[in-house]
Amino acid sequence: MLCDFGLSCTLLDSSTYADGSSTAGTTRYTAPEVLSYEVQHRDRKSDMWAFGCTSGQILFDLRPYHASETNFAVLRAISDGRAPFEWDGPDEFLASISCCLERNPNERLTIEELVLRLDH
């Protein structure tokens, strides 16, 4: 499942940014800072995490944290600092996607930075 309409949000403007009233989400795609309640709301940085997780699933036909079968196991993997995917020696494209999955939200690419990287 790549979308969760039960968590749909109202768009504030014509951008793709949705201001959510909830930090809930599908665990495999939810940014670590949202799950640990370090932030009160989802934001553009957590959206980039979800984008990276979705991209990995599309590219490799594997769910994020695919070795973890239960939500508890996924939460354990996240709390242990494991990445949603293990990519050995990623090419430039995969390296760009993996920059969306930086654990520190301040080190994640923005959508604008990602577009610039992929445009080269």
C-alpha atoms as a PDB file:
ATOM      1  CA  MET A   1       0.000   0.000   0.000  1.00  0.00           C
ATOM      2  CA  LEU A   2       1.491   3.334  -1.039  1.00  0.00           C
ATOM      3  CA  CYS A   3      -1.165   5.652   0.312  1.00  0.00           C
ATOM      4  CA  ASP A   4      -3.314   5.859   3.381  1.00  0.00           C
ATOM      5  CA  PHE A   5      -6.489   7.811   2.709  1.00  0.00           C
ATOM      6  CA  GLY A   6      -7.443   7.535   6.354  1.00  0.00           C
ATOM      7  CA  LEU A   7      -4.704  10.075   7.043  1.00  0.00           C
ATOM      8  CA  SER A   8      -5.438  12.478   4.199  1.00  0.00           C
ATOM      9  CA  CYS A   9      -4.826  16.124   4.992  1.00  0.00           C
ATOM     10  CA  THR A  10      -6.100  19.405   3.638  1.00  0.00           C
ATOM     11  CA  LEU A  11      -3.629  21.269   1.465  1.00  0.00           C
ATOM     12  CA  LEU A  12      -2.884  24.764   2.723  1.00  0.00           C
ATOM     13  CA  ASP A  13      -1.984  26.121  -0.708  1.00  0.00           C
ATOM     14  CA  SER A  14      -1.218  24.944  -4.217  1.00  0.00           C
ATOM     15  CA  SER A  15       2.047  23.304  -3.116  1.00  0.00           C
ATOM     16  CA  THR A  16       2.348  19.615  -2.326  1.00  0.00           C
ATOM     17  CA  TYR A  17       2.792  20.296   1.376  1.00  0.00           C
ATOM     18  CA  ALA A  18       0.002  19.069   3.601  1.00  0.00           C
ATOM     19  CA  ASP A  19      -0.333  20.302   7.158  1.00  0.00           C
ATOM     20  CA  GLY A  20      -1.427  17.317   9.165  1.00  0.00           C
ATOM     21  CA  SER A  21      -3.129  17.422  12.493  1.00  0.00           C
ATOM     22  CA  SER A  22      -1.801  14.005  13.396  1.00  0.00           C
ATOM     23  CA  THR A  23       1.626  12.440  13.651  1.00  0.00           C
ATOM     24  CA  ALA A  24       0.130   9.015  12.943  1.00  0.00           C
ATOM     25  CA  GLY A  25       0.960   7.207   9.755  1.00  0.00           C
ATOM     26  CA  THR A  26       2.027   3.946   8.241  1.00  0.00           C
ATOM     27  CA  THR A  27       5.008   3.002  10.386  1.00  0.00           C
ATOM     28  CA  ARG A  28       7.242   1.790   7.558  1.00  0.00           C
ATOM     29  CA  TYR A  29       7.012   5.186   5.811  1.00  0.00           C
ATOM     30  CA  THR A  30       6.927   7.499   8.832  1.00  0.00           C
ATOM     31  CA  ALA A  31      10.073   9.482   9.608  1.00  0.00           C
ATOM     32  CA  PRO A  32      11.905   8.525  12.815  1.00  0.00           C
ATOM     33  CA  GLU A  33      11.486  11.995  14.342  1.00  0.00           C
ATOM     34  CA  VAL A  34       7.720  11.740  13.909  1.00  0.00           C
ATOM     35  CA  LEU A  35       7.568   8.284  15.484  1.00  0.00           C
ATOM     36  CA  SER A  36       9.689   9.396  18.447  1.00  0.00           C
ATOM     37  CA  TYR A  37       7.576  12.554  18.892  1.00  0.00           C
ATOM     38  CA  GLU A  38      10.646  14.809  18.463  1.00  0.00           C
ATOM     39  CA  VAL A  39       8.385  16.918  16.242  1.00  0.00           C
ATOM     40  CA  GLN A  40       4.718  17.676  16.797  1.00  0.00           C
ATOM     41  CA  HIS A  41       3.579  17.491  13.171  1.00  0.00           C
ATOM     42  CA  ARG A  42       4.625  15.964   9.923  1.00  0.00           C
ATOM     43  CA  ASP A  43       6.434  18.452   7.707  1.00  0.00           C
ATOM     44  CA  ARG A  44       8.398  18.716   4.467  1.00  0.00           C
ATOM     45  CA  LYS A  45      11.343  16.869   6.000  1.00  0.00           C
ATOM     46  CA  SER A  46       9.192  13.940   7.042  1.00  0.00           C
ATOM     47  CA  ASP A  47       7.565  14.039   3.592  1.00  0.00           C
ATOM     48  CA  MET A  48      11.020  13.566   2.060  1.00  0.00           C
ATOM     49  CA  TRP A  49      11.564  10.508   4.267  1.00  0.00           C
ATOM     50  CA  ALA A  50       8.260   9.046   3.054  1.00  0.00           C
ATOM     51  CA  PHE A  51       9.243   9.867  -0.531  1.00  0.00           C
ATOM     52  CA  GLY A  52      12.532   8.006  -0.081  1.00  0.00           C
ATOM     53  CA  CYS A  53      10.726   4.992   1.366  1.00  0.00           C
ATOM     54  CA  THR A  54       8.165   4.996  -1.430  1.00  0.00           C
ATOM     55  CA  SER A  55      10.886   5.367  -4.066  1.00  0.00           C
ATOM     56  CA  GLY A  56      12.795   2.410  -2.641  1.00  0.00           C
ATOM     57  CA  GLN A  57       9.686   0.261  -2.712  1.00  0.00           C
ATOM     58  CA  ILE A  58       8.948   1.185  -6.307  1.00  0.00           C
ATOM     59  CA  LEU A  59      12.543   0.650  -7.453  1.00  0.00           C
ATOM     60  CA  PHE A  60      13.148  -2.683  -5.728  1.00  0.00           C
ATOM     61  CA  ASP A  61       9.683  -4.070  -5.046  1.00  0.00           C
ATOM     62  CA  LEU A  62      10.587  -4.286  -1.350  1.00  0.00           C
ATOM     63  CA  ARG A  63       8.808  -2.608   1.528  1.00  0.00           C
ATOM     64  CA  PRO A  64      10.898  -0.382   3.804  1.00  0.00           C
ATOM     65  CA  TYR A  65      12.361  -2.536   6.590  1.00  0.00           C
ATOM     66  CA  HIS A  66      11.376  -5.567   4.497  1.00  0.00           C
ATOM     67  CA  ALA A  67      13.168  -7.975   6.862  1.00  0.00           C
ATOM     68  CA  SER A  68      10.875  -6.841   9.699  1.00  0.00           C
ATOM     69  CA  GLU A  69       7.552  -8.649   9.540  1.00  0.00           C
ATOM     70  CA  THR A  70       5.607  -6.905  12.316  1.00  0.00           C
ATOM     71  CA  ASN A  71       5.071  -3.273  13.299  1.00  0.00           C
ATOM     72  CA  PHE A  72       6.907  -3.988  16.540  1.00  0.00           C
ATOM     73  CA  ALA A  73       9.914  -5.273  14.580  1.00  0.00           C
ATOM     74  CA  VAL A  74       9.814  -2.194  12.343  1.00  0.00           C
ATOM     75  CA  LEU A  75       9.734   0.102  15.392  1.00  0.00           C
ATOM     76  CA  ARG A  76      12.659  -1.830  16.867  1.00  0.00           C
ATOM     77  CA  ALA A  77      14.646  -1.450  13.628  1.00  0.00           C
ATOM     78  CA  ILE A  78      13.951   2.293  13.595  1.00  0.00           C
ATOM     79  CA  SER A  79      14.914   2.725  17.256  1.00  0.00           C
ATOM     80  CA  ASP A  80      18.115   0.765  16.574  1.00  0.00           C
ATOM     81  CA  GLY A  81      18.966   3.281  13.852  1.00  0.00           C
ATOM     82  CA  ARG A  82      18.671   0.903  10.909  1.00  0.00           C
ATOM     83  CA  ALA A  83      17.945   2.306   7.472  1.00  0.00           C
ATOM     84  CA  PRO A  84      14.735   1.329   5.653  1.00  0.00           C
ATOM     85  CA  PHE A  85      16.839  -0.187   2.828  1.00  0.00           C
ATOM     86  CA  GLU A  86      20.358  -1.558   2.524  1.00  0.00           C
ATOM     87  CA  TRP A  87      21.903  -0.451  -0.774  1.00  0.00           C
ATOM     88  CA  ASP A  88      25.444  -1.631  -1.413  1.00  0.00           C
ATOM     89  CA  GLY A  89      27.434   0.870  -3.422  1.00  0.00           C
ATOM     90  CA  PRO A  90      24.496   2.880  -4.737  1.00  0.00           C
ATOM     91  CA  ASP A  91      24.912   4.674  -8.061  1.00  0.00           C
ATOM     92  CA  GLU A  92      24.341   8.432  -8.239  1.00  0.00           C
ATOM     93  CA  PHE A  93      20.573   8.043  -8.592  1.00  0.00           C
ATOM     94  CA  LEU A  94      20.226   5.742  -5.566  1.00  0.00           C
ATOM     95  CA  ALA A  95      22.613   7.918  -3.579  1.00  0.00           C
ATOM     96  CA  SER A  96      20.240  10.825  -4.206  1.00  0.00           C
ATOM     97  CA  ILE A  97      17.258   8.788  -3.028  1.00  0.00           C
ATOM     98  CA  SER A  98      19.181   7.607   0.036  1.00  0.00           C
ATOM     99  CA  CYS A  99      19.810  11.281   0.934  1.00  0.00           C
ATOM    100  CA  CYS A 100      16.054  11.505   1.496  1.00  0.00           C
ATOM    101  CA  LEU A 101      16.492   8.838   4.176  1.00  0.00           C
ATOM    102  CA  GLU A 102      19.025  10.629   6.375  1.00  0.00           C
ATOM    103  CA  ARG A 103      18.132   9.939   9.976  1.00  0.00           C
ATOM    104  CA  ASN A 104      18.792  13.559  10.942  1.00  0.00           C
ATOM    105  CA  PRO A 105      15.986  15.549   9.278  1.00  0.00           C
ATOM    106  CA  ASN A 106      18.262  18.592   8.925  1.00  0.00           C
ATOM    107  CA  GLU A 107      20.591  16.542   6.723  1.00  0.00           C
ATOM    108  CA  ARG A 108      17.829  15.307   4.400  1.00  0.00           C
ATOM    109  CA  LEU A 109      17.548  16.721   0.931  1.00  0.00           C
ATOM    110  CA  THR A 110      14.710  19.095   0.241  1.00  0.00           C
ATOM    111  CA  ILE A 111      12.580  18.422  -2.812  1.00  0.00           C
ATOM    112  CA  GLU A 112      14.303  21.315  -4.573  1.00  0.00           C
ATOM    113  CA  GLU A 113      17.759  19.868  -3.815  1.00  0.00           C
ATOM    114  CA  LEU A 114      16.658  16.433  -4.982  1.00  0.00           C
ATOM    115  CA  VAL A 115      15.368  17.797  -8.278  1.00  0.00           C
ATOM    116  CA  LEU A 116      18.667  19.601  -8.860  1.00  0.00           C
ATOM    117  CA  ARG A 117      20.678  16.443  -8.109  1.00  0.00           C
ATOM    118  CA  LEU A 118      18.539  14.291 -10.389  1.00  0.00           C
ATOM    119  CA  ASP A 119      18.601  16.887 -13.166  1.00  0.00           C
ATOM    120  CA  HIS A 120      22.361  16.501 -13.672  1.00  0.00           C
END
